[in-house]
Amino acid sequence: MNKAVISVIIPVFNGGRFLSEAIDSVLAQNYDALEIIIIDDGSTDNSKEVALGYGNKIKYLYQENGGPAKARNFGLSIATGDFITFIDADDVWAKDKISRQLALFGKNEELGIVIGLAWKTGFSVKEELDKPGLTPKGTFHLLLGSSLIKKSVFDRIGLLDEDLFLGDDTDWFNRAKENRIAIAIHRDVVQYYRIHENNITNDKRRSNHYVFKVIKKAKDRKMSPDFKPLPAAPKIKTMDDLINYWHSAN
């Protein structure tokens, strides 16, 4: 039986100083059937040179700057894998991210999406994550980088919304839930989300603008005559409540 191919899409915009750590964390996975696709979203730094330094281990493509969603969609358009996952150029994966998540699909063929926990931290170099005794403080977020997704799910619910410079991941997961995609949440930390001075979420005014856009798009979809209402959401007070709400797999 052939191994499932995992397509890993890495959008990068002027992230050359972090990019190698992201790529290395993908190559360090204990899984070799990987298709690594780097989409350079109009970078003006050394991102291209860093990417091309990996030779035939990666596929490198360039586009004029169009934002993260457009870059991710470009990657999806050429991805050939059975499963899709993403990692931002400034983040790092845990070494067993792929194997842990793929194992869950092996236990439940109805699954469409698996999401693990992320640790938001201001680490400076990857080696800090390997220190003995380090206990990652994982939290649940709707992040593409902490997910593994069957490619067929994109065929069913569509691509990321390129109108959203921020929040395209939240919007996409909302659409997945609205379409009753089976989602499994597991409590392993699979992604290290790097906090630094250039995070695009640092601009709170801009972030809030896109939060409201995501909310409005969800409300607009509910107005469609084809929309099938979901059960009323419970009050979310804790991370457990949030995980239980998003975990829809049997």
Protein backbone atom coordinates (compact mmCIF):
# COMPACT_ATOMS: atom_id res chain seq x y z
CA MET A 1 0.00 0.00 0.00
CA ASN A 2 1.40 3.38 -1.01
CA LYS A 3 2.11 5.93 1.68
CA ALA A 4 -0.22 8.95 1.74
CA VAL A 5 1.51 12.04 0.37
CA ILE A 6 1.37 15.14 2.58
CA SER A 7 1.56 18.51 0.82
CA VAL A 8 3.11 21.17 3.08
CA ILE A 9 2.44 24.74 1.94
CA ILE A 10 4.71 27.50 3.29
CA PRO A 11 3.75 31.08 2.39
CA VAL A 12 6.55 33.57 2.96
CA PHE A 13 6.76 37.35 2.72
CA ASN A 14 10.10 38.82 3.80
CA GLY A 15 10.57 35.98 6.25
CA GLY A 16 14.05 34.95 5.21
CA ARG A 17 15.52 35.21 8.71
CA PHE A 18 13.12 32.54 10.01
CA LEU A 19 12.37 30.46 6.91
CA SER A 20 15.12 27.87 7.30
CA GLU A 21 13.91 26.93 10.78
CA ALA A 22 10.40 26.36 9.44
CA ILE A 23 11.66 24.22 6.56
CA ASP A 24 14.03 22.27 8.82
CA SER A 25 11.16 21.45 11.19
CA VAL A 26 9.22 20.00 8.24
CA LEU A 27 12.20 17.97 7.03
CA ALA A 28 12.72 16.68 10.59
CA GLN A 29 9.32 14.99 10.63
CA ASN A 30 9.49 11.21 10.96
CA TYR A 31 7.58 10.94 7.68
CA ASP A 32 9.19 11.04 4.27
CA ALA A 33 6.28 11.25 1.80
CA LEU A 34 6.26 15.04 1.84
CA GLU A 35 5.70 17.57 -0.92
CA ILE A 36 7.04 20.90 0.38
CA ILE A 37 5.74 23.92 -1.52
CA ILE A 38 7.08 27.41 -0.77
CA ILE A 39 5.07 30.31 -2.13
CA ASP A 40 7.05 33.55 -2.09
CA ASP A 41 4.48 36.33 -1.78
CA GLY A 42 6.56 39.08 -3.36
CA SER A 43 9.44 39.08 -0.86
CA THR A 44 12.21 41.66 -1.24
CA ASP A 45 14.59 40.06 1.28
CA ASN A 46 16.60 36.83 1.01
CA SER A 47 13.60 34.48 1.19
CA LYS A 48 14.20 33.19 -2.34
CA GLU A 49 17.85 32.43 -1.67
CA VAL A 50 17.02 30.59 1.56
CA ALA A 51 14.35 28.50 -0.16
CA LEU A 52 16.45 27.63 -3.20
CA GLY A 53 19.27 26.55 -0.90
CA TYR A 54 17.24 23.40 -0.20
CA GLY A 55 17.46 22.30 -3.83
CA ASN A 56 15.06 19.59 -4.93
CA LYS A 57 13.78 19.04 -1.38
CA ILE A 58 11.25 21.82 -2.00
CA LYS A 59 9.20 23.40 -4.77
CA TYR A 60 9.64 27.18 -4.92
CA LEU A 61 7.16 29.49 -6.67
CA TYR A 62 6.92 33.29 -6.71
CA GLN A 63 3.86 35.53 -6.97
CA GLU A 64 3.35 39.27 -6.78
CA ASN A 65 2.40 40.29 -3.26
CA GLY A 66 -1.22 39.38 -2.69
CA GLY A 67 -1.48 38.35 0.95
CA PRO A 68 -1.35 35.08 2.88
CA ALA A 69 -4.66 33.66 1.61
CA LYS A 70 -3.70 34.15 -2.03
CA ALA A 71 -0.31 32.53 -1.41
CA ARG A 72 -1.90 29.56 0.34
CA ASN A 73 -4.41 29.15 -2.49
CA PHE A 74 -1.59 29.23 -5.04
CA GLY A 75 0.06 26.42 -3.12
CA LEU A 76 -3.20 24.48 -3.04
CA SER A 77 -3.55 24.85 -6.80
CA ILE A 78 -0.38 22.83 -7.40
CA ALA A 79 -0.50 20.50 -4.39
CA THR A 80 -0.72 16.82 -5.31
CA GLY A 81 -0.91 15.29 -1.84
CA ASP A 82 -3.70 13.28 -0.26
CA PHE A 83 -3.48 15.58 2.77
CA ILE A 84 -2.75 19.29 3.09
CA THR A 85 -1.07 21.19 5.88
CA PHE A 86 0.54 24.59 6.24
CA ILE A 87 3.30 26.25 8.20
CA ASP A 88 4.05 29.96 8.27
CA ALA A 89 7.63 30.95 7.54
CA ASP A 90 8.21 32.17 11.11
CA ASP A 91 6.82 29.11 12.90
CA VAL A 92 8.18 25.67 13.80
CA TRP A 93 6.55 22.26 14.07
CA ALA A 94 7.02 19.66 16.77
CA LYS A 95 9.02 16.69 15.43
CA ASP A 96 6.10 14.25 15.50
CA LYS A 97 3.41 16.59 14.17
CA ILE A 98 2.68 14.66 10.98
CA SER A 99 2.82 11.15 12.46
CA ARG A 100 0.57 12.02 15.41
CA GLN A 101 -2.07 13.60 13.22
CA LEU A 102 -1.94 11.03 10.44
CA ALA A 103 -2.44 8.27 13.03
CA LEU A 104 -5.78 9.83 14.01
CA PHE A 105 -6.97 9.63 10.42
CA GLY A 106 -6.00 5.97 10.43
CA LYS A 107 -8.33 5.37 13.36
CA ASN A 108 -11.34 7.18 11.84
CA GLU A 109 -11.87 7.26 8.08
CA GLU A 110 -14.72 9.78 8.47
CA LEU A 111 -12.34 12.49 9.67
CA GLY A 112 -11.76 15.48 7.43
CA ILE A 113 -9.62 17.69 9.69
CA VAL A 114 -7.34 17.12 12.66
CA ILE A 115 -6.20 20.07 14.80
CA GLY A 116 -3.56 20.00 17.55
CA LEU A 117 -2.47 22.60 20.06
CA ALA A 118 -0.10 25.51 19.47
CA TRP A 119 2.33 27.18 21.82
CA LYS A 120 2.66 30.91 21.29
CA THR A 121 6.13 31.85 22.48
CA GLY A 122 8.89 34.33 21.77
CA PHE A 123 11.69 31.82 21.15
CA SER A 124 14.67 33.19 19.27
CA VAL A 125 16.21 30.01 17.85
CA LYS A 126 14.81 26.53 17.36
CA GLU A 127 17.35 24.95 19.72
CA GLU A 128 15.56 26.58 22.64
CA LEU A 129 12.61 24.27 21.99
CA ASP A 130 14.75 21.17 22.52
CA LYS A 131 15.99 22.03 26.00
CA PRO A 132 15.59 19.16 28.50
CA GLY A 133 12.62 19.54 30.79
CA LEU A 134 10.84 22.10 28.62
CA THR A 135 7.07 21.78 28.97
CA PRO A 136 5.21 23.50 26.11
CA LYS A 137 2.13 25.44 27.19
CA GLY A 138 -0.27 24.50 24.45
CA THR A 139 -3.53 26.27 23.74
CA PHE A 140 -6.22 25.65 21.15
CA HIS A 141 -6.45 28.03 18.22
CA LEU A 142 -7.96 27.67 14.76
CA LEU A 143 -4.61 27.62 12.99
CA LEU A 144 -3.83 26.01 9.66
CA GLY A 145 -0.30 25.34 10.90
CA SER A 146 -1.50 23.06 13.70
CA SER A 147 -3.86 21.15 11.40
CA LEU A 148 -3.81 18.28 8.92
CA ILE A 149 -6.58 18.29 6.33
CA LYS A 150 -7.78 15.84 3.69
CA LYS A 151 -7.41 17.48 0.30
CA SER A 152 -10.97 16.45 -0.54
CA VAL A 153 -12.22 18.86 2.14
CA PHE A 154 -11.03 21.80 0.03
CA ASP A 155 -12.90 20.36 -2.94
CA ARG A 156 -16.05 20.36 -0.81
CA ILE A 157 -15.95 23.73 0.90
CA GLY A 158 -13.62 25.77 -1.29
CA LEU A 159 -10.38 27.67 -0.93
CA LEU A 160 -9.35 30.36 1.53
CA ASP A 161 -11.06 33.73 1.15
CA GLU A 162 -8.56 36.08 -0.50
CA ASP A 163 -10.64 39.07 0.64
CA LEU A 164 -9.30 38.39 4.14
CA PHE A 165 -5.71 39.47 4.73
CA LEU A 166 -6.14 38.21 8.31
CA GLY A 167 -8.64 35.68 9.60
CA ASP A 168 -8.75 33.60 6.42
CA ASP A 169 -8.00 30.52 8.54
CA THR A 170 -10.83 31.25 11.03
CA ASP A 171 -13.25 31.90 8.18
CA TRP A 172 -12.25 28.63 6.48
CA PHE A 173 -12.68 26.58 9.65
CA ASN A 174 -16.08 28.23 10.20
CA ARG A 175 -17.14 27.09 6.73
CA ALA A 176 -15.85 23.59 7.46
CA LYS A 177 -17.98 23.39 10.60
CA GLU A 178 -21.01 24.79 8.77
CA ASN A 179 -20.54 22.00 6.19
CA ARG A 180 -20.46 19.34 8.91
CA ILE A 181 -16.87 18.29 8.22
CA ALA A 182 -15.77 15.83 10.92
CA ILE A 183 -13.09 17.56 13.00
CA ALA A 184 -10.93 15.95 15.68
CA ILE A 185 -9.03 18.01 18.24
CA HIS A 186 -6.08 16.43 20.03
CA ARG A 187 -4.18 17.93 22.94
CA ASP A 188 -0.62 17.46 21.71
CA VAL A 189 1.45 20.58 21.00
CA VAL A 190 2.29 20.35 17.31
CA GLN A 191 3.11 23.95 16.43
CA TYR A 192 5.35 26.59 17.95
CA TYR A 193 3.89 29.95 16.97
CA ARG A 194 6.68 32.50 17.08
CA ILE A 195 5.84 35.86 18.62
CA HIS A 196 8.04 38.66 17.30
CA GLU A 197 7.97 42.33 16.42
CA ASN A 198 6.82 41.76 12.84
CA ASN A 199 3.77 39.55 13.48
CA ILE A 200 0.99 40.90 11.30
CA THR A 201 -1.41 40.50 14.22
CA ASN A 202 0.50 43.17 16.16
CA ASP A 203 -1.58 45.83 14.41
CA LYS A 204 -4.65 45.58 16.65
CA ARG A 205 -6.71 48.05 14.65
CA ARG A 206 -6.13 46.10 11.46
CA SER A 207 -6.71 42.79 13.23
CA ASN A 208 -10.03 43.97 14.63
CA HIS A 209 -11.09 45.12 11.17
CA TYR A 210 -10.66 41.59 9.82
CA VAL A 211 -12.27 39.99 12.88
CA PHE A 212 -15.41 41.97 12.07
CA LYS A 213 -15.16 40.96 8.40
CA VAL A 214 -15.00 37.28 9.38
CA ILE A 215 -18.05 37.72 11.63
CA LYS A 216 -19.96 39.53 8.89
CA LYS A 217 -19.18 36.83 6.33
CA ALA A 218 -20.50 34.19 8.74
CA LYS A 219 -23.69 36.19 9.26
CA ASP A 220 -24.11 36.66 5.51
CA ARG A 221 -23.84 32.91 4.93
CA LYS A 222 -26.58 32.32 7.49
CA MET A 223 -28.90 34.44 5.37
CA SER A 224 -28.60 32.02 2.45
CA PRO A 225 -31.72 29.86 1.87
CA ASP A 226 -29.42 26.84 1.60
CA PHE A 227 -27.83 27.38 5.00
CA LYS A 228 -28.44 24.57 7.46
CA PRO A 229 -28.36 25.95 11.01
CA LEU A 230 -25.93 24.44 13.47
CA PRO A 231 -26.94 23.56 17.03
CA ALA A 232 -26.76 26.56 19.33
CA ALA A 233 -23.23 27.12 20.55
CA PRO A 234 -22.73 26.66 24.30
CA LYS A 235 -21.17 29.33 26.46
CA ILE A 236 -17.42 29.19 25.98
CA LYS A 237 -15.68 29.86 29.28
CA THR A 238 -12.63 27.62 29.17
CA MET A 239 -10.31 26.05 26.62
CA ASP A 240 -12.06 22.72 27.29
CA ASP A 241 -15.37 24.30 26.29
CA LEU A 242 -13.81 25.58 23.07
CA ILE A 243 -12.26 22.20 22.24
CA ASN A 244 -15.52 20.39 22.93
CA TYR A 245 -17.38 22.80 20.65
CA TRP A 246 -15.00 22.26 17.72
CA HIS A 247 -14.46 18.52 18.22
CA SER A 248 -17.21 17.00 16.08
CA ALA A 249 -15.74 13.56 15.31
CA ASN A 250 -17.34 10.43 16.72
